[in-house]
Amino acid sequence: MVKYLVLIIGVCFLQAVGAKEKMISSEELKLHGTSASCWILIEKTVYDVTEYIGVHDSLRYDIRKWCGTDSTMAYSKKDQSGKAHSKKADLLLKKFKIGLYQPD
């Protein structure tokens, strides 16, 4: 838990000091459409969730089908329950942020 808190604080600090955001095109996003390299798009932000796939599988839902795609709807309304993800999930997701989506 402390490890995640330190990481989140670090990410927030980098954003606050104006670290330049990487811009990711739809073509680049599509290149990461496998479980070996799984990037997802959620509300204009791209996340590399490759290392999280195994953890999420233990939650009994396979997110691999969303690799390389816009996952906004799937994230905002979980497929199984139709409910939004928790605030804890939102905080955890920040750990995986790699850039902003730039539509073609």
PDB file of N, CA and C in Angstrom:
ATOM      1  N   MET A   1       0.826  -1.191   0.000  1.00  0.00           N
ATOM      2  CA  MET A   1       0.000   0.000   0.000  1.00  0.00           C
ATOM      3  C   MET A   1       0.868   1.252   0.000  1.00  0.00           C
ATOM      4  N   VAL A   2       1.917   1.251   0.837  1.00  0.00           N
ATOM      5  CA  VAL A   2       2.823   2.394   0.909  1.00  0.00           C
ATOM      6  C   VAL A   2       3.521   2.594  -0.438  1.00  0.00           C
ATOM      7  N   LYS A   3       3.895   1.479  -1.083  1.00  0.00           N
ATOM      8  CA  LYS A   3       4.558   1.541  -2.388  1.00  0.00           C
ATOM      9  C   LYS A   3       3.677   2.267  -3.402  1.00  0.00           C
ATOM     10  N   TYR A   4       2.382   1.952  -3.415  1.00  0.00           N
ATOM     11  CA  TYR A   4       1.468   2.600  -4.351  1.00  0.00           C
ATOM     12  C   TYR A   4       1.286   4.074  -4.016  1.00  0.00           C
ATOM     13  N   LEU A   5       1.231   4.400  -2.733  1.00  0.00           N
ATOM     14  CA  LEU A   5       1.068   5.784  -2.314  1.00  0.00           C
ATOM     15  C   LEU A   5       2.268   6.622  -2.743  1.00  0.00           C
ATOM     16  N   VAL A   6       3.475   6.103  -2.545  1.00  0.00           N
ATOM     17  CA  VAL A   6       4.685   6.810  -2.953  1.00  0.00           C
ATOM     18  C   VAL A   6       4.691   7.008  -4.460  1.00  0.00           C
ATOM     19  N   LEU A   7       4.303   5.986  -5.208  1.00  0.00           N
ATOM     20  CA  LEU A   7       4.264   6.080  -6.660  1.00  0.00           C
ATOM     21  C   LEU A   7       3.249   7.122  -7.118  1.00  0.00           C
ATOM     22  N   ILE A   8       2.088   7.133  -6.508  1.00  0.00           N
ATOM     23  CA  ILE A   8       1.042   8.095  -6.870  1.00  0.00           C
ATOM     24  C   ILE A   8       1.511   9.519  -6.567  1.00  0.00           C
ATOM     25  N   ILE A   9       2.147   9.717  -5.427  1.00  0.00           N
ATOM     26  CA  ILE A   9       2.659  11.041  -5.078  1.00  0.00           C
ATOM     27  C   ILE A   9       3.708  11.479  -6.097  1.00  0.00           C
ATOM     28  N   GLY A  10       4.581  10.549  -6.501  1.00  0.00           N
ATOM     29  CA  GLY A  10       5.596  10.858  -7.499  1.00  0.00           C
ATOM     30  C   GLY A  10       4.991  11.253  -8.836  1.00  0.00           C
ATOM     31  N   VAL A  11       3.971  10.528  -9.272  1.00  0.00           N
ATOM     32  CA  VAL A  11       3.293  10.837 -10.534  1.00  0.00           C
ATOM     33  C   VAL A  11       2.647  12.217 -10.455  1.00  0.00           C
ATOM     34  N   CYS A  12       1.981  12.498  -9.345  1.00  0.00           N
ATOM     35  CA  CYS A  12       1.333  13.804  -9.167  1.00  0.00           C
ATOM     36  C   CYS A  12       2.369  14.924  -9.178  1.00  0.00           C
ATOM     37  N   PHE A  13       3.529  14.696  -8.550  1.00  0.00           N
ATOM     38  CA  PHE A  13       4.588  15.700  -8.530  1.00  0.00           C
ATOM     39  C   PHE A  13       5.090  15.991  -9.935  1.00  0.00           C
ATOM     40  N   LEU A  14       5.335  14.945 -10.708  1.00  0.00           N
ATOM     41  CA  LEU A  14       5.808  15.144 -12.076  1.00  0.00           C
ATOM     42  C   LEU A  14       4.797  15.928 -12.906  1.00  0.00           C
ATOM     43  N   GLN A  15       3.520  15.643 -12.707  1.00  0.00           N
ATOM     44  CA  GLN A  15       2.490  16.361 -13.439  1.00  0.00           C
ATOM     45  C   GLN A  15       2.444  17.820 -12.995  1.00  0.00           C
ATOM     46  N   ALA A  16       2.633  18.055 -11.700  1.00  0.00           N
ATOM     47  CA  ALA A  16       2.569  19.408 -11.158  1.00  0.00           C
ATOM     48  C   ALA A  16       3.719  20.278 -11.640  1.00  0.00           C
ATOM     49  N   VAL A  17       4.905  19.706 -11.831  1.00  0.00           N
ATOM     50  CA  VAL A  17       6.051  20.489 -12.274  1.00  0.00           C
ATOM     51  C   VAL A  17       6.097  20.647 -13.792  1.00  0.00           C
ATOM     52  N   GLY A  18       5.081  20.168 -14.454  1.00  0.00           N
ATOM     53  CA  GLY A  18       4.965  20.409 -15.888  1.00  0.00           C
ATOM     54  C   GLY A  18       5.711  19.437 -16.776  1.00  0.00           C
ATOM     55  N   ALA A  19       5.866  18.213 -16.336  1.00  0.00           N
ATOM     56  CA  ALA A  19       6.500  17.211 -17.183  1.00  0.00           C
ATOM     57  C   ALA A  19       5.699  17.093 -18.475  1.00  0.00           C
ATOM     58  N   LYS A  20       6.412  17.094 -19.591  1.00  0.00           N
ATOM     59  CA  LYS A  20       5.731  17.042 -20.888  1.00  0.00           C
ATOM     60  C   LYS A  20       5.085  15.681 -21.083  1.00  0.00           C
ATOM     61  N   GLU A  21       3.837  15.698 -21.507  1.00  0.00           N
ATOM     62  CA  GLU A  21       3.083  14.478 -21.743  1.00  0.00           C
ATOM     63  C   GLU A  21       3.455  13.879 -23.099  1.00  0.00           C
ATOM     64  N   LYS A  22       3.608  12.569 -23.137  1.00  0.00           N
ATOM     65  CA  LYS A  22       3.814  11.870 -24.398  1.00  0.00           C
ATOM     66  C   LYS A  22       2.470  11.813 -25.116  1.00  0.00           C
ATOM     67  N   MET A  23       2.471  12.091 -26.410  1.00  0.00           N
ATOM     68  CA  MET A  23       1.256  12.022 -27.211  1.00  0.00           C
ATOM     69  C   MET A  23       1.264  10.700 -27.970  1.00  0.00           C
ATOM     70  N   ILE A  24       0.152   9.991 -27.911  1.00  0.00           N
ATOM     71  CA  ILE A  24       0.051   8.653 -28.498  1.00  0.00           C
ATOM     72  C   ILE A  24      -1.060   8.634 -29.534  1.00  0.00           C
ATOM     73  N   SER A  25      -0.724   8.209 -30.737  1.00  0.00           N
ATOM     74  CA  SER A  25      -1.693   8.144 -31.833  1.00  0.00           C
ATOM     75  C   SER A  25      -2.503   6.851 -31.762  1.00  0.00           C
ATOM     76  N   SER A  26      -3.567   6.802 -32.541  1.00  0.00           N
ATOM     77  CA  SER A  26      -4.373   5.583 -32.595  1.00  0.00           C
ATOM     78  C   SER A  26      -3.562   4.434 -33.187  1.00  0.00           C
ATOM     79  N   GLU A  27      -2.686   4.738 -34.136  1.00  0.00           N
ATOM     80  CA  GLU A  27      -1.838   3.696 -34.730  1.00  0.00           C
ATOM     81  C   GLU A  27      -0.890   3.099 -33.696  1.00  0.00           C
ATOM     82  N   GLU A  28      -0.292   3.947 -32.868  1.00  0.00           N
ATOM     83  CA  GLU A  28       0.611   3.453 -31.834  1.00  0.00           C
ATOM     84  C   GLU A  28      -0.151   2.630 -30.799  1.00  0.00           C
ATOM     85  N   LEU A  29      -1.337   3.098 -30.435  1.00  0.00           N
ATOM     86  CA  LEU A  29      -2.174   2.364 -29.483  1.00  0.00           C
ATOM     87  C   LEU A  29      -2.483   0.964 -30.010  1.00  0.00           C
ATOM     88  N   LYS A  30      -2.842   0.863 -31.276  1.00  0.00           N
ATOM     89  CA  LYS A  30      -3.181  -0.432 -31.882  1.00  0.00           C
ATOM     90  C   LYS A  30      -2.009  -1.407 -31.887  1.00  0.00           C
ATOM     91  N   LEU A  31      -0.783  -0.873 -31.912  1.00  0.00           N
ATOM     92  CA  LEU A  31       0.405  -1.733 -31.907  1.00  0.00           C
ATOM     93  C   LEU A  31       0.566  -2.483 -30.583  1.00  0.00           C
ATOM     94  N   HIS A  32      -0.160  -2.054 -29.568  1.00  0.00           N
ATOM     95  CA  HIS A  32      -0.044  -2.655 -28.237  1.00  0.00           C
ATOM     96  C   HIS A  32      -1.360  -3.352 -27.878  1.00  0.00           C
ATOM     97  N   GLY A  33      -1.757  -4.253 -28.745  1.00  0.00           N
ATOM     98  CA  GLY A  33      -3.039  -4.936 -28.611  1.00  0.00           C
ATOM     99  C   GLY A  33      -2.945  -6.386 -28.185  1.00  0.00           C
ATOM    100  N   THR A  34      -1.868  -6.741 -27.489  1.00  0.00           N
ATOM    101  CA  THR A  34      -1.708  -8.124 -27.043  1.00  0.00           C
ATOM    102  C   THR A  34      -1.408  -8.157 -25.548  1.00  0.00           C
ATOM    103  N   SER A  35      -1.479  -9.343 -24.980  1.00  0.00           N
ATOM    104  CA  SER A  35      -1.176  -9.468 -23.552  1.00  0.00           C
ATOM    105  C   SER A  35       0.316  -9.259 -23.280  1.00  0.00           C
ATOM    106  N   ALA A  36       1.159  -9.368 -24.309  1.00  0.00           N
ATOM    107  CA  ALA A  36       2.588  -9.113 -24.146  1.00  0.00           C
ATOM    108  C   ALA A  36       2.884  -7.615 -24.064  1.00  0.00           C
ATOM    109  N   SER A  37       2.000  -6.821 -24.617  1.00  0.00           N
ATOM    110  CA  SER A  37       2.103  -5.359 -24.563  1.00  0.00           C
ATOM    111  C   SER A  37       0.693  -4.797 -24.679  1.00  0.00           C
ATOM    112  N   CYS A  38       0.097  -4.523 -23.538  1.00  0.00           N
ATOM    113  CA  CYS A  38      -1.315  -4.137 -23.492  1.00  0.00           C
ATOM    114  C   CYS A  38      -1.482  -2.686 -23.055  1.00  0.00           C
ATOM    115  N   TRP A  39      -1.786  -1.843 -24.040  1.00  0.00           N
ATOM    116  CA  TRP A  39      -2.108  -0.451 -23.755  1.00  0.00           C
ATOM    117  C   TRP A  39      -3.608  -0.277 -23.944  1.00  0.00           C
ATOM    118  N   ILE A  40      -4.204   0.522 -23.079  1.00  0.00           N
ATOM    119  CA  ILE A  40      -5.636   0.820 -23.207  1.00  0.00           C
ATOM    120  C   ILE A  40      -5.840   2.332 -23.142  1.00  0.00           C
ATOM    121  N   LEU A  41      -6.897   2.773 -23.780  1.00  0.00           N
ATOM    122  CA  LEU A  41      -7.272   4.183 -23.777  1.00  0.00           C
ATOM    123  C   LEU A  41      -8.511   4.348 -22.907  1.00  0.00           C
ATOM    124  N   ILE A  42      -8.420   5.255 -21.944  1.00  0.00           N
ATOM    125  CA  ILE A  42      -9.576   5.594 -21.106  1.00  0.00           C
ATOM    126  C   ILE A  42      -9.636   7.113 -21.015  1.00  0.00           C
ATOM    127  N   GLU A  43     -10.697   7.674 -21.565  1.00  0.00           N
ATOM    128  CA  GLU A  43     -10.947   9.113 -21.526  1.00  0.00           C
ATOM    129  C   GLU A  43      -9.717   9.951 -21.864  1.00  0.00           C
ATOM    130  N   LYS A  44      -9.198   9.792 -23.058  1.00  0.00           N
ATOM    131  CA  LYS A  44      -8.108  10.589 -23.617  1.00  0.00           C
ATOM    132  C   LYS A  44      -6.742  10.334 -22.982  1.00  0.00           C
ATOM    133  N   THR A  45      -6.635   9.317 -22.134  1.00  0.00           N
ATOM    134  CA  THR A  45      -5.362   8.968 -21.513  1.00  0.00           C
ATOM    135  C   THR A  45      -5.042   7.513 -21.838  1.00  0.00           C
ATOM    136  N   VAL A  46      -3.777   7.247 -22.139  1.00  0.00           N
ATOM    137  CA  VAL A  46      -3.337   5.899 -22.489  1.00  0.00           C
ATOM    138  C   VAL A  46      -2.556   5.319 -21.315  1.00  0.00           C
ATOM    139  N   TYR A  47      -2.854   4.048 -21.023  1.00  0.00           N
ATOM    140  CA  TYR A  47      -2.235   3.340 -19.907  1.00  0.00           C
ATOM    141  C   TYR A  47      -1.623   2.035 -20.414  1.00  0.00           C
ATOM    142  N   ASP A  48      -0.445   1.702 -19.890  1.00  0.00           N
ATOM    143  CA  ASP A  48       0.187   0.419 -20.181  1.00  0.00           C
ATOM    144  C   ASP A  48      -0.133  -0.503 -19.008  1.00  0.00           C
ATOM    145  N   VAL A  49      -1.099  -1.386 -19.200  1.00  0.00           N
ATOM    146  CA  VAL A  49      -1.568  -2.268 -18.120  1.00  0.00           C
ATOM    147  C   VAL A  49      -1.028  -3.691 -18.256  1.00  0.00           C
ATOM    148  N   THR A  50       0.021  -3.847 -19.056  1.00  0.00           N
ATOM    149  CA  THR A  50       0.591  -5.169 -19.311  1.00  0.00           C
ATOM    150  C   THR A  50       0.889  -5.913 -18.021  1.00  0.00           C
ATOM    151  N   GLU A  51       1.573  -5.277 -17.090  1.00  0.00           N
ATOM    152  CA  GLU A  51       1.957  -5.953 -15.848  1.00  0.00           C
ATOM    153  C   GLU A  51       0.769  -6.201 -14.914  1.00  0.00           C
ATOM    154  N   TYR A  52      -0.346  -5.559 -15.183  1.00  0.00           N
ATOM    155  CA  TYR A  52      -1.516  -5.707 -14.318  1.00  0.00           C
ATOM    156  C   TYR A  52      -2.477  -6.801 -14.788  1.00  0.00           C
ATOM    157  N   ILE A  53      -2.292  -7.302 -15.997  1.00  0.00           N
ATOM    158  CA  ILE A  53      -3.215  -8.300 -16.555  1.00  0.00           C
ATOM    159  C   ILE A  53      -3.390  -9.492 -15.619  1.00  0.00           C
ATOM    160  N   GLY A  54      -2.309 -10.059 -15.139  1.00  0.00           N
ATOM    161  CA  GLY A  54      -2.385 -11.223 -14.250  1.00  0.00           C
ATOM    162  C   GLY A  54      -3.122 -10.933 -12.962  1.00  0.00           C
ATOM    163  N   VAL A  55      -2.916  -9.757 -12.408  1.00  0.00           N
ATOM    164  CA  VAL A  55      -3.613  -9.356 -11.180  1.00  0.00           C
ATOM    165  C   VAL A  55      -5.108  -9.245 -11.460  1.00  0.00           C
ATOM    166  N   HIS A  56      -5.438  -8.614 -12.571  1.00  0.00           N
ATOM    167  CA  HIS A  56      -6.854  -8.420 -12.905  1.00  0.00           C
ATOM    168  C   HIS A  56      -7.535  -9.753 -13.187  1.00  0.00           C
ATOM    169  N   ASP A  57      -6.801 -10.695 -13.766  1.00  0.00           N
ATOM    170  CA  ASP A  57      -7.369 -12.030 -14.005  1.00  0.00           C
ATOM    171  C   ASP A  57      -7.825 -12.677 -12.703  1.00  0.00           C
ATOM    172  N   SER A  58      -7.106 -12.399 -11.621  1.00  0.00           N
ATOM    173  CA  SER A  58      -7.504 -12.971 -10.332  1.00  0.00           C
ATOM    174  C   SER A  58      -8.829 -12.387  -9.852  1.00  0.00           C
ATOM    175  N   LEU A  59      -9.243 -11.285 -10.460  1.00  0.00           N
ATOM    176  CA  LEU A  59     -10.541 -10.677 -10.132  1.00  0.00           C
ATOM    177  C   LEU A  59     -11.658 -11.278 -10.987  1.00  0.00           C
ATOM    178  N   ARG A  60     -11.327 -12.317 -11.724  1.00  0.00           N
ATOM    179  CA  ARG A  60     -12.263 -13.083 -12.553  1.00  0.00           C
ATOM    180  C   ARG A  60     -12.816 -12.307 -13.753  1.00  0.00           C
ATOM    181  N   TYR A  61     -12.006 -11.406 -14.284  1.00  0.00           N
ATOM    182  CA  TYR A  61     -12.411 -10.728 -15.509  1.00  0.00           C
ATOM    183  C   TYR A  61     -11.176 -10.482 -16.368  1.00  0.00           C
ATOM    184  N   ASP A  62     -11.188 -10.985 -17.568  1.00  0.00           N
ATOM    185  CA  ASP A  62     -10.052 -10.884 -18.482  1.00  0.00           C
ATOM    186  C   ASP A  62     -10.122  -9.564 -19.249  1.00  0.00           C
ATOM    187  N   ILE A  63      -9.140  -8.716 -19.051  1.00  0.00           N
ATOM    188  CA  ILE A  63      -9.126  -7.425 -19.741  1.00  0.00           C
ATOM    189  C   ILE A  63      -8.354  -7.467 -21.060  1.00  0.00           C
ATOM    190  N   ARG A  64      -7.845  -8.617 -21.429  1.00  0.00           N
ATOM    191  CA  ARG A  64      -7.037  -8.724 -22.650  1.00  0.00           C
ATOM    192  C   ARG A  64      -7.798  -8.274 -23.904  1.00  0.00           C
ATOM    193  N   LYS A  65      -9.091  -8.458 -23.914  1.00  0.00           N
ATOM    194  CA  LYS A  65      -9.861  -8.081 -25.110  1.00  0.00           C
ATOM    195  C   LYS A  65      -9.848  -6.575 -25.355  1.00  0.00           C
ATOM    196  N   TRP A  66      -9.439  -5.800 -24.362  1.00  0.00           N
ATOM    197  CA  TRP A  66      -9.417  -4.348 -24.497  1.00  0.00           C
ATOM    198  C   TRP A  66      -8.034  -3.815 -24.878  1.00  0.00           C
ATOM    199  N   CYS A  67      -7.047  -4.683 -24.946  1.00  0.00           N
ATOM    200  CA  CYS A  67      -5.691  -4.244 -25.294  1.00  0.00           C
ATOM    201  C   CYS A  67      -5.687  -3.564 -26.665  1.00  0.00           C
ATOM    202  N   GLY A  68      -5.060  -2.401 -26.738  1.00  0.00           N
ATOM    203  CA  GLY A  68      -4.933  -1.677 -27.989  1.00  0.00           C
ATOM    204  C   GLY A  68      -6.183  -0.950 -28.437  1.00  0.00           C
ATOM    205  N   THR A  69      -7.145  -0.785 -27.531  1.00  0.00           N
ATOM    206  CA  THR A  69      -8.416  -0.166 -27.914  1.00  0.00           C
ATOM    207  C   THR A  69      -8.856   0.915 -26.924  1.00  0.00           C
ATOM    208  N   ASP A  70      -9.918   1.604 -27.306  1.00  0.00           N
ATOM    209  CA  ASP A  70     -10.564   2.565 -26.410  1.00  0.00           C
ATOM    210  C   ASP A  70     -11.418   1.764 -25.426  1.00  0.00           C
ATOM    211  N   SER A  71     -11.046   1.820 -24.179  1.00  0.00           N
ATOM    212  CA  SER A  71     -11.704   1.037 -23.129  1.00  0.00           C
ATOM    213  C   SER A  71     -12.544   1.904 -22.206  1.00  0.00           C
ATOM    214  N   THR A  72     -12.836   3.117 -22.631  1.00  0.00           N
ATOM    215  CA  THR A  72     -13.544   4.069 -21.777  1.00  0.00           C
ATOM    216  C   THR A  72     -14.867   3.508 -21.275  1.00  0.00           C
ATOM    217  N   MET A  73     -15.680   3.001 -22.168  1.00  0.00           N
ATOM    218  CA  MET A  73     -16.998   2.486 -21.759  1.00  0.00           C
ATOM    219  C   MET A  73     -16.862   1.264 -20.855  1.00  0.00           C
ATOM    220  N   ALA A  74     -15.938   0.390 -21.182  1.00  0.00           N
ATOM    221  CA  ALA A  74     -15.730  -0.817 -20.376  1.00  0.00           C
ATOM    222  C   ALA A  74     -15.262  -0.458 -18.974  1.00  0.00           C
ATOM    223  N   TYR A  75     -14.445   0.592 -18.864  1.00  0.00           N
ATOM    224  CA  TYR A  75     -13.945   0.997 -17.556  1.00  0.00           C
ATOM    225  C   TYR A  75     -15.024   1.732 -16.756  1.00  0.00           C
ATOM    226  N   SER A  76     -15.773   2.586 -17.427  1.00  0.00           N
ATOM    227  CA  SER A  76     -16.771   3.384 -16.703  1.00  0.00           C
ATOM    228  C   SER A  76     -17.982   2.554 -16.280  1.00  0.00           C
ATOM    229  N   LYS A  77     -18.280   1.508 -17.024  1.00  0.00           N
ATOM    230  CA  LYS A  77     -19.396   0.605 -16.679  1.00  0.00           C
ATOM    231  C   LYS A  77     -18.890  -0.820 -16.812  1.00  0.00           C
ATOM    232  N   LYS A  78     -18.354  -1.358 -15.727  1.00  0.00           N
ATOM    233  CA  LYS A  78     -17.779  -2.698 -15.767  1.00  0.00           C
ATOM    234  C   LYS A  78     -18.744  -3.678 -16.421  1.00  0.00           C
ATOM    235  N   ASP A  79     -18.200  -4.488 -17.333  1.00  0.00           N
ATOM    236  CA  ASP A  79     -19.019  -5.435 -18.097  1.00  0.00           C
ATOM    237  C   ASP A  79     -19.876  -6.344 -17.218  1.00  0.00           C
ATOM    238  N   GLN A  80     -19.311  -6.843 -16.136  1.00  0.00           N
ATOM    239  CA  GLN A  80     -20.041  -7.811 -15.329  1.00  0.00           C
ATOM    240  C   GLN A  80     -21.132  -7.172 -14.470  1.00  0.00           C
ATOM    241  N   SER A  81     -20.853  -6.007 -13.894  1.00  0.00           N
ATOM    242  CA  SER A  81     -21.804  -5.425 -12.944  1.00  0.00           C
ATOM    243  C   SER A  81     -22.513  -4.189 -13.473  1.00  0.00           C
ATOM    244  N   GLY A  82     -21.945  -3.539 -14.466  1.00  0.00           N
ATOM    245  CA  GLY A  82     -22.523  -2.299 -14.963  1.00  0.00           C
ATOM    246  C   GLY A  82     -22.220  -1.104 -14.066  1.00  0.00           C
ATOM    247  N   LYS A  83     -21.462  -1.329 -12.996  1.00  0.00           N
ATOM    248  CA  LYS A  83     -21.104  -0.258 -12.064  1.00  0.00           C
ATOM    249  C   LYS A  83     -19.750   0.331 -12.456  1.00  0.00           C
ATOM    250  N   ALA A  84     -19.507   1.539 -11.990  1.00  0.00           N
ATOM    251  CA  ALA A  84     -18.217   2.188 -12.234  1.00  0.00           C
ATOM    252  C   ALA A  84     -17.137   1.551 -11.371  1.00  0.00           C
ATOM    253  N   HIS A  85     -15.882   1.693 -11.799  1.00  0.00           N
ATOM    254  CA  HIS A  85     -14.766   1.235 -10.978  1.00  0.00           C
ATOM    255  C   HIS A  85     -14.676   2.103  -9.721  1.00  0.00           C
ATOM    256  N   SER A  86     -14.018   1.591  -8.718  1.00  0.00           N
ATOM    257  CA  SER A  86     -13.886   2.288  -7.442  1.00  0.00           C
ATOM    258  C   SER A  86     -12.849   3.412  -7.532  1.00  0.00           C
ATOM    259  N   LYS A  87     -12.849   4.276  -6.537  1.00  0.00           N
ATOM    260  CA  LYS A  87     -11.838   5.334  -6.437  1.00  0.00           C
ATOM    261  C   LYS A  87     -10.452   4.714  -6.284  1.00  0.00           C
ATOM    262  N   LYS A  88     -10.383   3.585  -5.586  1.00  0.00           N
ATOM    263  CA  LYS A  88      -9.115   2.879  -5.430  1.00  0.00           C
ATOM    264  C   LYS A  88      -8.588   2.444  -6.793  1.00  0.00           C
ATOM    265  N   ALA A  89      -9.476   1.943  -7.643  1.00  0.00           N
ATOM    266  CA  ALA A  89      -9.080   1.536  -8.996  1.00  0.00           C
ATOM    267  C   ALA A  89      -8.605   2.745  -9.797  1.00  0.00           C
ATOM    268  N   ASP A  90      -9.274   3.884  -9.645  1.00  0.00           N
ATOM    269  CA  ASP A  90      -8.856   5.107 -10.339  1.00  0.00           C
ATOM    270  C   ASP A  90      -7.451   5.516  -9.919  1.00  0.00           C
ATOM    271  N   LEU A  91      -7.149   5.431  -8.631  1.00  0.00           N
ATOM    272  CA  LEU A  91      -5.819   5.773  -8.137  1.00  0.00           C
ATOM    273  C   LEU A  91      -4.768   4.795  -8.651  1.00  0.00           C
ATOM    274  N   LEU A  92      -5.104   3.521  -8.654  1.00  0.00           N
ATOM    275  CA  LEU A  92      -4.180   2.504  -9.134  1.00  0.00           C
ATOM    276  C   LEU A  92      -3.894   2.690 -10.625  1.00  0.00           C
ATOM    277  N   LEU A  93      -4.903   3.055 -11.381  1.00  0.00           N
ATOM    278  CA  LEU A  93      -4.758   3.240 -12.818  1.00  0.00           C
ATOM    279  C   LEU A  93      -3.703   4.302 -13.138  1.00  0.00           C
ATOM    280  N   LYS A  94      -3.607   5.325 -12.311  1.00  0.00           N
ATOM    281  CA  LYS A  94      -2.632   6.394 -12.539  1.00  0.00           C
ATOM    282  C   LYS A  94      -1.207   5.862 -12.615  1.00  0.00           C
ATOM    283  N   LYS A  95      -0.949   4.778 -11.929  1.00  0.00           N
ATOM    284  CA  LYS A  95       0.384   4.157 -11.945  1.00  0.00           C
ATOM    285  C   LYS A  95       0.787   3.736 -13.357  1.00  0.00           C
ATOM    286  N   PHE A  96      -0.188   3.415 -14.178  1.00  0.00           N
ATOM    287  CA  PHE A  96       0.073   2.858 -15.498  1.00  0.00           C
ATOM    288  C   PHE A  96      -0.005   3.883 -16.633  1.00  0.00           C
ATOM    289  N   LYS A  97      -0.224   5.140 -16.303  1.00  0.00           N
ATOM    290  CA  LYS A  97      -0.353   6.179 -17.325  1.00  0.00           C
ATOM    291  C   LYS A  97       0.950   6.343 -18.088  1.00  0.00           C
ATOM    292  N   ILE A  98       0.837   6.383 -19.432  1.00  0.00           N
ATOM    293  CA  ILE A  98       2.031   6.591 -20.245  1.00  0.00           C
ATOM    294  C   ILE A  98       1.920   7.806 -21.162  1.00  0.00           C
ATOM    295  N   GLY A  99       0.727   8.338 -21.331  1.00  0.00           N
ATOM    296  CA  GLY A  99       0.591   9.519 -22.185  1.00  0.00           C
ATOM    297  C   GLY A  99      -0.841   9.865 -22.491  1.00  0.00           C
ATOM    298  N   LEU A 100      -0.984  10.875 -23.348  1.00  0.00           N
ATOM    299  CA  LEU A 100      -2.291  11.336 -23.762  1.00  0.00           C
ATOM    300  C   LEU A 100      -2.567  10.904 -25.195  1.00  0.00           C
ATOM    301  N   TYR A 101      -3.824  10.621 -25.454  1.00  0.00           N
ATOM    302  CA  TYR A 101      -4.241  10.175 -26.784  1.00  0.00           C
ATOM    303  C   TYR A 101      -4.358  11.364 -27.706  1.00  0.00           C
ATOM    304  N   GLN A 102      -3.792  11.216 -28.877  1.00  0.00           N
ATOM    305  CA  GLN A 102      -3.916  12.236 -29.914  1.00  0.00           C
ATOM    306  C   GLN A 102      -4.581  11.602 -31.122  1.00  0.00           C
ATOM    307  N   PRO A 103      -5.864  11.878 -31.320  1.00  0.00           N
ATOM    308  CA  PRO A 103      -6.565  11.278 -32.453  1.00  0.00           C
ATOM    309  C   PRO A 103      -5.899  11.647 -33.772  1.00  0.00           C
ATOM    310  N   ASP A 104      -6.028  10.752 -34.735  1.00  0.00           N
ATOM    311  CA  ASP A 104      -5.426  10.984 -36.064  1.00  0.00           C
ATOM    312  C   ASP A 104      -6.108  12.132 -36.771  1.00  0.00           C
TER     313      ASP A 104
END
